[in-house]
Full PDB file with SEQRES, HELIX, SHEET, SSBOND, CRYST1, ORIGX, SCALE, CONECT and MASTER records, all heavy atoms in Angstrom:
SEQRES   1 A   36  ILE PHE VAL ASP ALA SER LYS VAL LEU THR HIS VAL PRO          
SEQRES   2 A   36  LYS GLU GLU PHE PRO ALA GLN THR LEU THR VAL GLU LEU          
SEQRES   3 A   36  TYR LEU GLU ALA GLY ILE ARG GLY CYS GLU                      
HELIX    1 AA1 ALA A    5  VAL A    8  1                                   4    
HELIX    2 AA2 LYS A   14  GLU A   16  5                                   3    
HELIX    3 AA3 PRO A   18  ALA A   30  1                                  13    
CRYST1    1.000    1.000    1.000  90.00  90.00  90.00 P 1           1          
ORIGX1      1.000000  0.000000  0.000000        0.00000                         
ORIGX2      0.000000  1.000000  0.000000        0.00000                         
ORIGX3      0.000000  0.000000  1.000000        0.00000                         
SCALE1      1.000000  0.000000  0.000000        0.00000                         
SCALE2      0.000000  1.000000  0.000000        0.00000                         
SCALE3      0.000000  0.000000  1.000000        0.00000                         
ATOM      1  N   ILE A   1    -116.529 -32.466  18.691  1.00  0.00           N  
ATOM      2  CA  ILE A   1    -116.709 -31.524  17.599  1.00  0.00           C  
ATOM      3  C   ILE A   1    -116.686 -30.127  18.207  1.00  0.00           C  
ATOM      4  O   ILE A   1    -117.405 -29.864  19.178  1.00  0.00           O  
ATOM      5  CB  ILE A   1    -118.030 -31.764  16.865  1.00  0.00           C  
ATOM      6  CG1 ILE A   1    -118.005 -33.129  16.151  1.00  0.00           C  
ATOM      7  CG2 ILE A   1    -118.312 -30.665  15.848  1.00  0.00           C  
ATOM      8  CD1 ILE A   1    -116.990 -33.255  15.037  1.00  0.00           C  
ATOM      9  N   PHE A   2    -115.944 -29.230  17.581  1.00  0.00           N  
ATOM     10  CA  PHE A   2    -115.843 -27.850  18.085  1.00  0.00           C  
ATOM     11  C   PHE A   2    -116.465 -26.932  17.019  1.00  0.00           C  
ATOM     12  O   PHE A   2    -115.864 -26.644  15.995  1.00  0.00           O  
ATOM     13  CB  PHE A   2    -114.351 -27.470  18.309  1.00  0.00           C  
ATOM     14  CG  PHE A   2    -113.704 -28.169  19.427  1.00  0.00           C  
ATOM     15  CD1 PHE A   2    -113.398 -29.550  19.361  1.00  0.00           C  
ATOM     16  CD2 PHE A   2    -113.381 -27.507  20.591  1.00  0.00           C  
ATOM     17  CE1 PHE A   2    -112.767 -30.204  20.428  1.00  0.00           C  
ATOM     18  CE2 PHE A   2    -112.707 -28.132  21.643  1.00  0.00           C  
ATOM     19  CZ  PHE A   2    -112.445 -29.473  21.566  1.00  0.00           C  
ATOM     20  N   VAL A   3    -117.695 -26.485  17.267  1.00  0.00           N  
ATOM     21  CA  VAL A   3    -118.424 -25.624  16.320  1.00  0.00           C  
ATOM     22  C   VAL A   3    -117.872 -24.220  16.389  1.00  0.00           C  
ATOM     23  O   VAL A   3    -117.671 -23.675  17.491  1.00  0.00           O  
ATOM     24  CB  VAL A   3    -119.952 -25.664  16.610  1.00  0.00           C  
ATOM     25  CG1 VAL A   3    -120.682 -24.771  15.604  1.00  0.00           C  
ATOM     26  CG2 VAL A   3    -120.480 -27.069  16.589  1.00  0.00           C  
ATOM     27  N   ASP A   4    -117.589 -23.628  15.219  1.00  0.00           N  
ATOM     28  CA  ASP A   4    -116.992 -22.292  15.162  1.00  0.00           C  
ATOM     29  C   ASP A   4    -118.110 -21.245  15.356  1.00  0.00           C  
ATOM     30  O   ASP A   4    -118.805 -20.898  14.368  1.00  0.00           O  
ATOM     31  CB  ASP A   4    -116.272 -22.072  13.871  1.00  0.00           C  
ATOM     32  CG  ASP A   4    -115.436 -20.790  13.829  1.00  0.00           C  
ATOM     33  OD1 ASP A   4    -115.744 -19.902  14.613  1.00  0.00           O  
ATOM     34  OD2 ASP A   4    -114.534 -20.747  12.984  1.00  0.00           O  
ATOM     35  N   ALA A   5    -118.301 -20.790  16.550  1.00  0.00           N  
ATOM     36  CA  ALA A   5    -119.409 -19.933  16.889  1.00  0.00           C  
ATOM     37  C   ALA A   5    -119.315 -18.567  16.166  1.00  0.00           C  
ATOM     38  O   ALA A   5    -120.279 -17.980  15.791  1.00  0.00           O  
ATOM     39  CB  ALA A   5    -119.475 -19.657  18.382  1.00  0.00           C  
ATOM     40  N   SER A   6    -118.084 -18.122  15.943  1.00  0.00           N  
ATOM     41  CA  SER A   6    -117.918 -16.796  15.281  1.00  0.00           C  
ATOM     42  C   SER A   6    -118.369 -16.883  13.836  1.00  0.00           C  
ATOM     43  O   SER A   6    -118.648 -15.837  13.206  1.00  0.00           O  
ATOM     44  CB  SER A   6    -116.447 -16.376  15.348  1.00  0.00           C  
ATOM     45  OG  SER A   6    -115.605 -17.293  14.665  1.00  0.00           O  
ATOM     46  N   LYS A   7    -118.418 -18.110  13.248  1.00  0.00           N  
ATOM     47  CA  LYS A   7    -118.890 -18.245  11.843  1.00  0.00           C  
ATOM     48  C   LYS A   7    -120.344 -18.596  11.825  1.00  0.00           C  
ATOM     49  O   LYS A   7    -120.998 -18.562  10.769  1.00  0.00           O  
ATOM     50  CB  LYS A   7    -118.069 -19.360  11.138  1.00  0.00           C  
ATOM     51  CG  LYS A   7    -116.684 -18.892  10.753  1.00  0.00           C  
ATOM     52  CD  LYS A   7    -115.935 -19.966   9.965  1.00  0.00           C  
ATOM     53  CE  LYS A   7    -114.737 -19.406   9.257  1.00  0.00           C  
ATOM     54  NZ  LYS A   7    -113.851 -18.590  10.090  1.00  0.00           N  
ATOM     55  N   VAL A   8    -120.956 -18.955  12.952  1.00  0.00           N  
ATOM     56  CA  VAL A   8    -122.414 -19.258  13.039  1.00  0.00           C  
ATOM     57  C   VAL A   8    -123.162 -18.022  13.438  1.00  0.00           C  
ATOM     58  O   VAL A   8    -124.064 -17.506  12.725  1.00  0.00           O  
ATOM     59  CB  VAL A   8    -122.675 -20.409  14.023  1.00  0.00           C  
ATOM     60  CG1 VAL A   8    -124.201 -20.636  14.174  1.00  0.00           C  
ATOM     61  CG2 VAL A   8    -121.987 -21.686  13.545  1.00  0.00           C  
ATOM     62  N   LEU A   9    -122.832 -17.472  14.627  1.00  0.00           N  
ATOM     63  CA  LEU A   9    -123.546 -16.261  15.147  1.00  0.00           C  
ATOM     64  C   LEU A   9    -122.813 -15.050  14.773  1.00  0.00           C  
ATOM     65  O   LEU A   9    -122.182 -14.337  15.538  1.00  0.00           O  
ATOM     66  CB  LEU A   9    -123.701 -16.392  16.639  1.00  0.00           C  
ATOM     67  CG  LEU A   9    -124.465 -17.627  17.134  1.00  0.00           C  
ATOM     68  CD1 LEU A   9    -124.644 -17.546  18.645  1.00  0.00           C  
ATOM     69  CD2 LEU A   9    -125.820 -17.768  16.477  1.00  0.00           C  
ATOM     70  N   THR A  10    -122.881 -14.661  13.458  1.00  0.00           N  
ATOM     71  CA  THR A  10    -122.062 -13.570  12.912  1.00  0.00           C  
ATOM     72  C   THR A  10    -122.586 -12.241  13.369  1.00  0.00           C  
ATOM     73  O   THR A  10    -121.848 -11.219  13.217  1.00  0.00           O  
ATOM     74  CB  THR A  10    -122.073 -13.689  11.435  1.00  0.00           C  
ATOM     75  OG1 THR A  10    -123.443 -13.673  10.930  1.00  0.00           O  
ATOM     76  CG2 THR A  10    -121.379 -14.932  10.886  1.00  0.00           C  
ATOM     77  N   HIS A  11    -123.795 -12.160  13.919  1.00  0.00           N  
ATOM     78  CA  HIS A  11    -124.365 -10.875  14.376  1.00  0.00           C  
ATOM     79  C   HIS A  11    -124.119 -10.601  15.841  1.00  0.00           C  
ATOM     80  O   HIS A  11    -124.437  -9.525  16.311  1.00  0.00           O  
ATOM     81  CB  HIS A  11    -125.871 -10.793  14.039  1.00  0.00           C  
ATOM     82  CG  HIS A  11    -126.177 -10.930  12.606  1.00  0.00           C  
ATOM     83  ND1 HIS A  11    -125.616 -10.139  11.658  1.00  0.00           N  
ATOM     84  CD2 HIS A  11    -126.987 -11.797  11.939  1.00  0.00           C  
ATOM     85  CE1 HIS A  11    -126.042 -10.461  10.443  1.00  0.00           C  
ATOM     86  NE2 HIS A  11    -126.928 -11.455  10.592  1.00  0.00           N  
ATOM     87  N   VAL A  12    -123.610 -11.613  16.547  1.00  0.00           N  
ATOM     88  CA  VAL A  12    -123.303 -11.409  17.987  1.00  0.00           C  
ATOM     89  C   VAL A  12    -121.888 -10.923  18.123  1.00  0.00           C  
ATOM     90  O   VAL A  12    -120.961 -11.612  17.774  1.00  0.00           O  
ATOM     91  CB  VAL A  12    -123.510 -12.735  18.765  1.00  0.00           C  
ATOM     92  CG1 VAL A  12    -123.112 -12.577  20.238  1.00  0.00           C  
ATOM     93  CG2 VAL A  12    -124.944 -13.208  18.643  1.00  0.00           C  
ATOM     94  N   PRO A  13    -121.686  -9.730  18.677  1.00  0.00           N  
ATOM     95  CA  PRO A  13    -120.301  -9.214  18.821  1.00  0.00           C  
ATOM     96  C   PRO A  13    -119.501 -10.057  19.792  1.00  0.00           C  
ATOM     97  O   PRO A  13    -120.034 -10.659  20.717  1.00  0.00           O  
ATOM     98  CB  PRO A  13    -120.506  -7.792  19.333  1.00  0.00           C  
ATOM     99  CG  PRO A  13    -121.863  -7.765  19.973  1.00  0.00           C  
ATOM    100  CD  PRO A  13    -122.675  -8.793  19.222  1.00  0.00           C  
ATOM    101  N   LYS A  14    -118.213 -10.039  19.585  1.00  0.00           N  
ATOM    102  CA  LYS A  14    -117.306 -10.882  20.449  1.00  0.00           C  
ATOM    103  C   LYS A  14    -117.462 -10.459  21.909  1.00  0.00           C  
ATOM    104  O   LYS A  14    -117.306 -11.383  22.791  1.00  0.00           O  
ATOM    105  CB  LYS A  14    -115.870 -10.773  19.993  1.00  0.00           C  
ATOM    106  CG  LYS A  14    -115.230  -9.407  20.144  1.00  0.00           C  
ATOM    107  CD  LYS A  14    -113.770  -9.464  19.652  1.00  0.00           C  
ATOM    108  CE  LYS A  14    -113.015  -8.171  19.904  1.00  0.00           C  
ATOM    109  NZ  LYS A  14    -113.567  -7.040  19.132  1.00  0.00           N  
ATOM    110  N   GLU A  15    -117.744  -9.233  22.223  1.00  0.00           N  
ATOM    111  CA  GLU A  15    -117.884  -8.800  23.612  1.00  0.00           C  
ATOM    112  C   GLU A  15    -119.098  -9.395  24.266  1.00  0.00           C  
ATOM    113  O   GLU A  15    -119.263  -9.357  25.492  1.00  0.00           O  
ATOM    114  CB  GLU A  15    -118.018  -7.253  23.618  1.00  0.00           C  
ATOM    115  CG  GLU A  15    -116.737  -6.513  23.216  1.00  0.00           C  
ATOM    116  CD  GLU A  15    -116.606  -6.384  21.713  1.00  0.00           C  
ATOM    117  OE1 GLU A  15    -117.562  -6.785  20.954  1.00  0.00           O  
ATOM    118  OE2 GLU A  15    -115.544  -5.908  21.282  1.00  0.00           O  
ATOM    119  N   GLU A  16    -119.994 -10.046  23.474  1.00  0.00           N  
ATOM    120  CA  GLU A  16    -121.132 -10.736  24.018  1.00  0.00           C  
ATOM    121  C   GLU A  16    -121.046 -12.220  23.853  1.00  0.00           C  
ATOM    122  O   GLU A  16    -122.082 -12.930  23.964  1.00  0.00           O  
ATOM    123  CB  GLU A  16    -122.415 -10.157  23.326  1.00  0.00           C  
ATOM    124  CG  GLU A  16    -122.680  -8.681  23.610  1.00  0.00           C  
ATOM    125  CD  GLU A  16    -123.867  -8.087  22.906  1.00  0.00           C  
ATOM    126  OE1 GLU A  16    -124.705  -8.879  22.377  1.00  0.00           O  
ATOM    127  OE2 GLU A  16    -124.014  -6.877  22.938  1.00  0.00           O  
ATOM    128  N   PHE A  17    -119.875 -12.691  23.659  1.00  0.00           N  
ATOM    129  CA  PHE A  17    -119.534 -14.141  23.785  1.00  0.00           C  
ATOM    130  C   PHE A  17    -120.401 -15.068  22.874  1.00  0.00           C  
ATOM    131  O   PHE A  17    -121.264 -15.739  23.379  1.00  0.00           O  
ATOM    132  CB  PHE A  17    -119.579 -14.570  25.266  1.00  0.00           C  
ATOM    133  CG  PHE A  17    -118.753 -13.691  26.171  1.00  0.00           C  
ATOM    134  CD1 PHE A  17    -119.422 -12.798  27.008  1.00  0.00           C  
ATOM    135  CD2 PHE A  17    -117.403 -13.736  26.165  1.00  0.00           C  
ATOM    136  CE1 PHE A  17    -118.678 -11.953  27.873  1.00  0.00           C  
ATOM    137  CE2 PHE A  17    -116.674 -12.885  26.978  1.00  0.00           C  
ATOM    138  CZ  PHE A  17    -117.293 -11.991  27.849  1.00  0.00           C  
ATOM    139  N   PRO A  18    -120.097 -15.050  21.577  1.00  0.00           N  
ATOM    140  CA  PRO A  18    -120.856 -15.892  20.671  1.00  0.00           C  
ATOM    141  C   PRO A  18    -120.928 -17.418  21.045  1.00  0.00           C  
ATOM    142  O   PRO A  18    -121.965 -18.029  20.934  1.00  0.00           O  
ATOM    143  CB  PRO A  18    -120.170 -15.674  19.310  1.00  0.00           C  
ATOM    144  CG  PRO A  18    -119.505 -14.322  19.445  1.00  0.00           C  
ATOM    145  CD  PRO A  18    -119.101 -14.227  20.869  1.00  0.00           C  
ATOM    146  N   ALA A  19    -119.820 -18.012  21.443  1.00  0.00           N  
ATOM    147  CA  ALA A  19    -119.812 -19.461  21.731  1.00  0.00           C  
ATOM    148  C   ALA A  19    -120.675 -19.732  22.934  1.00  0.00           C  
ATOM    149  O   ALA A  19    -121.368 -20.760  22.940  1.00  0.00           O  
ATOM    150  CB  ALA A  19    -118.373 -19.903  21.942  1.00  0.00           C  
ATOM    151  N   GLN A  20    -120.611 -18.927  23.926  1.00  0.00           N  
ATOM    152  CA  GLN A  20    -121.519 -19.122  25.096  1.00  0.00           C  
ATOM    153  C   GLN A  20    -122.960 -18.930  24.748  1.00  0.00           C  
ATOM    154  O   GLN A  20    -123.812 -19.676  25.164  1.00  0.00           O  
ATOM    155  CB  GLN A  20    -121.114 -18.188  26.244  1.00  0.00           C  
ATOM    156  CG  GLN A  20    -121.925 -18.366  27.520  1.00  0.00           C  
ATOM    157  CD  GLN A  20    -121.717 -19.744  28.148  1.00  0.00           C  
ATOM    158  OE1 GLN A  20    -120.616 -20.313  27.993  1.00  0.00           O  
ATOM    159  NE2 GLN A  20    -122.652 -20.237  28.933  1.00  0.00           N  
ATOM    160  N   THR A  21    -123.231 -17.957  23.844  1.00  0.00           N  
ATOM    161  CA  THR A  21    -124.585 -17.742  23.356  1.00  0.00           C  
ATOM    162  C   THR A  21    -125.053 -18.962  22.578  1.00  0.00           C  
ATOM    163  O   THR A  21    -126.184 -19.386  22.756  1.00  0.00           O  
ATOM    164  CB  THR A  21    -124.624 -16.507  22.465  1.00  0.00           C  
ATOM    165  OG1 THR A  21    -124.093 -15.377  23.221  1.00  0.00           O  
ATOM    166  CG2 THR A  21    -125.990 -16.203  21.959  1.00  0.00           C  
ATOM    167  N   LEU A  22    -124.207 -19.499  21.711  1.00  0.00           N  
ATOM    168  CA  LEU A  22    -124.577 -20.704  20.999  1.00  0.00           C  
ATOM    169  C   LEU A  22    -124.811 -21.897  21.945  1.00  0.00           C  
ATOM    170  O   LEU A  22    -125.711 -22.700  21.672  1.00  0.00           O  
ATOM    171  CB  LEU A  22    -123.465 -21.047  19.952  1.00  0.00           C  
ATOM    172  CG  LEU A  22    -123.776 -22.164  18.970  1.00  0.00           C  
ATOM    173  CD1 LEU A  22    -125.021 -21.925  18.174  1.00  0.00           C  
ATOM    174  CD2 LEU A  22    -122.541 -22.376  18.023  1.00  0.00           C  
ATOM    175  N   THR A  23    -123.987 -22.010  22.936  1.00  0.00           N  
ATOM    176  CA  THR A  23    -124.182 -23.101  23.928  1.00  0.00           C  
ATOM    177  C   THR A  23    -125.576 -23.006  24.563  1.00  0.00           C  
ATOM    178  O   THR A  23    -126.287 -24.011  24.736  1.00  0.00           O  
ATOM    179  CB  THR A  23    -123.108 -22.966  25.038  1.00  0.00           C  
ATOM    180  OG1 THR A  23    -121.814 -23.027  24.463  1.00  0.00           O  
ATOM    181  CG2 THR A  23    -123.256 -24.094  26.077  1.00  0.00           C  
ATOM    182  N   VAL A  24    -125.997 -21.765  24.935  1.00  0.00           N  
ATOM    183  CA  VAL A  24    -127.338 -21.557  25.551  1.00  0.00           C  
ATOM    184  C   VAL A  24    -128.436 -21.881  24.515  1.00  0.00           C  
ATOM    185  O   VAL A  24    -129.398 -22.575  24.870  1.00  0.00           O  
ATOM    186  CB  VAL A  24    -127.435 -20.121  26.044  1.00  0.00           C  
ATOM    187  CG1 VAL A  24    -128.882 -19.822  26.437  1.00  0.00           C  
ATOM    188  CG2 VAL A  24    -126.495 -19.892  27.210  1.00  0.00           C  
ATOM    189  N   GLU A  25    -128.221 -21.473  23.266  1.00  0.00           N  
ATOM    190  CA  GLU A  25    -129.236 -21.694  22.222  1.00  0.00           C  
ATOM    191  C   GLU A  25    -129.401 -23.158  21.960  1.00  0.00           C  
ATOM    192  O   GLU A  25    -130.568 -23.639  21.748  1.00  0.00           O  
ATOM    193  CB  GLU A  25    -128.822 -20.955  20.953  1.00  0.00           C  
ATOM    194  CG  GLU A  25    -128.977 -19.434  21.009  1.00  0.00           C  
ATOM    195  CD  GLU A  25    -130.384 -18.926  21.113  1.00  0.00           C  
ATOM    196  OE1 GLU A  25    -131.308 -19.690  20.739  1.00  0.00           O  
ATOM    197  OE2 GLU A  25    -130.606 -17.784  21.563  1.00  0.00           O  
ATOM    198  N   LEU A  26    -128.349 -23.948  21.938  1.00  0.00           N  
ATOM    199  CA  LEU A  26    -128.463 -25.404  21.705  1.00  0.00           C  
ATOM    200  C   LEU A  26    -129.220 -26.033  22.877  1.00  0.00           C  
ATOM    201  O   LEU A  26    -130.032 -26.945  22.672  1.00  0.00           O  
ATOM    202  CB  LEU A  26    -127.087 -25.977  21.543  1.00  0.00           C  
ATOM    203  CG  LEU A  26    -127.058 -27.502  21.280  1.00  0.00           C  
ATOM    204  CD1 LEU A  26    -127.838 -27.877  20.008  1.00  0.00           C  
ATOM    205  CD2 LEU A  26    -125.636 -28.033  21.172  1.00  0.00           C  
ATOM    206  N   TYR A  27    -128.954 -25.608  24.095  1.00  0.00           N  
ATOM    207  CA  TYR A  27    -129.649 -26.170  25.237  1.00  0.00           C  
ATOM    208  C   TYR A  27    -131.139 -25.854  25.159  1.00  0.00           C  
ATOM    209  O   TYR A  27    -131.981 -26.717  25.355  1.00  0.00           O  
ATOM    210  CB  TYR A  27    -129.066 -25.663  26.575  1.00  0.00           C  
ATOM    211  CG  TYR A  27    -129.893 -26.145  27.737  1.00  0.00           C  
ATOM    212  CD1 TYR A  27    -129.798 -27.454  28.160  1.00  0.00           C  
ATOM    213  CD2 TYR A  27    -130.752 -25.238  28.406  1.00  0.00           C  
ATOM    214  CE1 TYR A  27    -130.600 -27.906  29.225  1.00  0.00           C  
ATOM    215  CE2 TYR A  27    -131.550 -25.724  29.476  1.00  0.00           C  
ATOM    216  CZ  TYR A  27    -131.436 -27.060  29.888  1.00  0.00           C  
ATOM    217  OH  TYR A  27    -132.201 -27.495  30.888  1.00  0.00           O  
ATOM    218  N   LEU A  28    -131.471 -24.592  24.835  1.00  0.00           N  
ATOM    219  CA  LEU A  28    -132.862 -24.196  24.702  1.00  0.00           C  
ATOM    220  C   LEU A  28    -133.561 -24.983  23.617  1.00  0.00           C  
ATOM    221  O   LEU A  28    -134.726 -25.335  23.745  1.00  0.00           O  
ATOM    222  CB  LEU A  28    -132.971 -22.703  24.480  1.00  0.00           C  
ATOM    223  CG  LEU A  28    -132.577 -21.773  25.649  1.00  0.00           C  
ATOM    224  CD1 LEU A  28    -132.554 -20.339  25.205  1.00  0.00           C  
ATOM    225  CD2 LEU A  28    -133.569 -21.968  26.781  1.00  0.00           C  
ATOM    226  N   GLU A  29    -132.848 -25.273  22.533  1.00  0.00           N  
ATOM    227  CA  GLU A  29    -133.427 -25.975  21.430  1.00  0.00           C  
ATOM    228  C   GLU A  29    -133.781 -27.378  21.725  1.00  0.00           C  
ATOM    229  O   GLU A  29    -134.899 -27.829  21.366  1.00  0.00           O  
ATOM    230  CB  GLU A  29    -132.440 -25.993  20.215  1.00  0.00           C  
ATOM    231  CG  GLU A  29    -132.902 -26.697  18.976  1.00  0.00           C  
ATOM    232  CD  GLU A  29    -134.071 -26.011  18.285  1.00  0.00           C  
ATOM    233  OE1 GLU A  29    -134.203 -24.781  18.331  1.00  0.00           O  
ATOM    234  OE2 GLU A  29    -134.869 -26.750  17.688  1.00  0.00           O  
ATOM    235  N   ALA A  30    -132.898 -28.099  22.409  1.00  0.00           N  
ATOM    236  CA  ALA A  30    -133.180 -29.562  22.559  1.00  0.00           C  
ATOM    237  C   ALA A  30    -132.655 -30.182  23.860  1.00  0.00           C  
ATOM    238  O   ALA A  30    -132.612 -31.392  23.954  1.00  0.00           O  
ATOM    239  CB  ALA A  30    -132.528 -30.298  21.379  1.00  0.00           C  
ATOM    240  N   GLY A  31    -132.272 -29.342  24.828  1.00  0.00           N  
ATOM    241  CA  GLY A  31    -131.813 -29.894  26.079  1.00  0.00           C  
ATOM    242  C   GLY A  31    -130.427 -30.525  26.005  1.00  0.00           C  
ATOM    243  O   GLY A  31    -130.041 -31.343  26.877  1.00  0.00           O  
ATOM    244  N   ILE A  32    -129.656 -30.134  24.981  1.00  0.00           N  
ATOM    245  CA  ILE A  32    -128.336 -30.656  24.788  1.00  0.00           C  
ATOM    246  C   ILE A  32    -127.314 -29.709  25.417  1.00  0.00           C  
ATOM    247  O   ILE A  32    -127.318 -28.486  25.130  1.00  0.00           O  
ATOM    248  CB  ILE A  32    -128.001 -30.820  23.271  1.00  0.00           C  
ATOM    249  CG1 ILE A  32    -128.950 -31.842  22.674  1.00  0.00           C  
ATOM    250  CG2 ILE A  32    -126.550 -31.241  23.052  1.00  0.00           C  
ATOM    251  CD1 ILE A  32    -128.973 -31.837  21.158  1.00  0.00           C  
ATOM    252  N   ARG A  33    -126.471 -30.265  26.283  1.00  0.00           N  
ATOM    253  CA  ARG A  33    -125.486 -29.408  27.015  1.00  0.00           C  
ATOM    254  C   ARG A  33    -124.087 -29.612  26.407  1.00  0.00           C  
ATOM    255  O   ARG A  33    -123.511 -30.669  26.487  1.00  0.00           O  
ATOM    256  CB  ARG A  33    -125.494 -29.805  28.499  1.00  0.00           C  
ATOM    257  CG  ARG A  33    -124.451 -29.045  29.289  1.00  0.00           C  
ATOM    258  CD  ARG A  33    -124.752 -29.066  30.798  1.00  0.00           C  
ATOM    259  NE  ARG A  33    -124.605 -30.379  31.396  1.00  0.00           N  
ATOM    260  CZ  ARG A  33    -124.624 -30.579  32.698  1.00  0.00           C  
ATOM    261  NH1 ARG A  33    -124.767 -29.534  33.546  1.00  0.00           N  
ATOM    262  NH2 ARG A  33    -124.499 -31.801  33.230  1.00  0.00           N  
ATOM    263  N   GLY A  34    -123.586 -28.545  25.774  1.00  0.00           N  
ATOM    264  CA  GLY A  34    -122.238 -28.493  25.294  1.00  0.00           C  
ATOM    265  C   GLY A  34    -121.364 -27.661  26.271  1.00  0.00           C  
ATOM    266  O   GLY A  34    -121.805 -27.368  27.404  1.00  0.00           O  
ATOM    267  N   CYS A  35    -120.254 -27.145  25.797  1.00  0.00           N  
ATOM    268  CA  CYS A  35    -119.383 -26.403  26.639  1.00  0.00           C  
ATOM    269  C   CYS A  35    -118.646 -25.377  25.795  1.00  0.00           C  
ATOM    270  O   CYS A  35    -118.121 -25.687  24.710  1.00  0.00           O  
ATOM    271  CB  CYS A  35    -118.369 -27.321  27.306  1.00  0.00           C  
ATOM    272  SG  CYS A  35    -117.113 -26.501  28.310  1.00  0.00           S  
ATOM    273  N   GLU A  36    -118.615 -24.124  26.287  1.00  0.00           N  
ATOM    274  CA  GLU A  36    -117.904 -23.062  25.578  1.00  0.00           C  
ATOM    275  C   GLU A  36    -116.388 -23.253  25.779  1.00  0.00           C  
ATOM    276  O   GLU A  36    -115.886 -23.365  26.921  1.00  0.00           O  
ATOM    277  CB  GLU A  36    -118.349 -21.688  26.150  1.00  0.00           C  
ATOM    278  CG  GLU A  36    -117.743 -20.518  25.395  1.00  0.00           C  
ATOM    279  CD  GLU A  36    -116.621 -19.768  26.154  1.00  0.00           C  
ATOM    280  OE1 GLU A  36    -115.926 -20.407  26.983  1.00  0.00           O  
ATOM    281  OE2 GLU A  36    -116.448 -18.598  25.859  1.00  0.00           O  
TER     282      GLU A  36                                                      
MASTER        0    0    0    3    0    0    0    6  281    1    0    3          
END                                                                             
């Protein structure tokens, strides 16, 4: 499954890498490791 980070983290500018930010947030939430 490829989650569309630009549609989830709408306040994170592209220059700050929304998908990588979401990857980190999911790990912090539950120890789940995805990939940007």
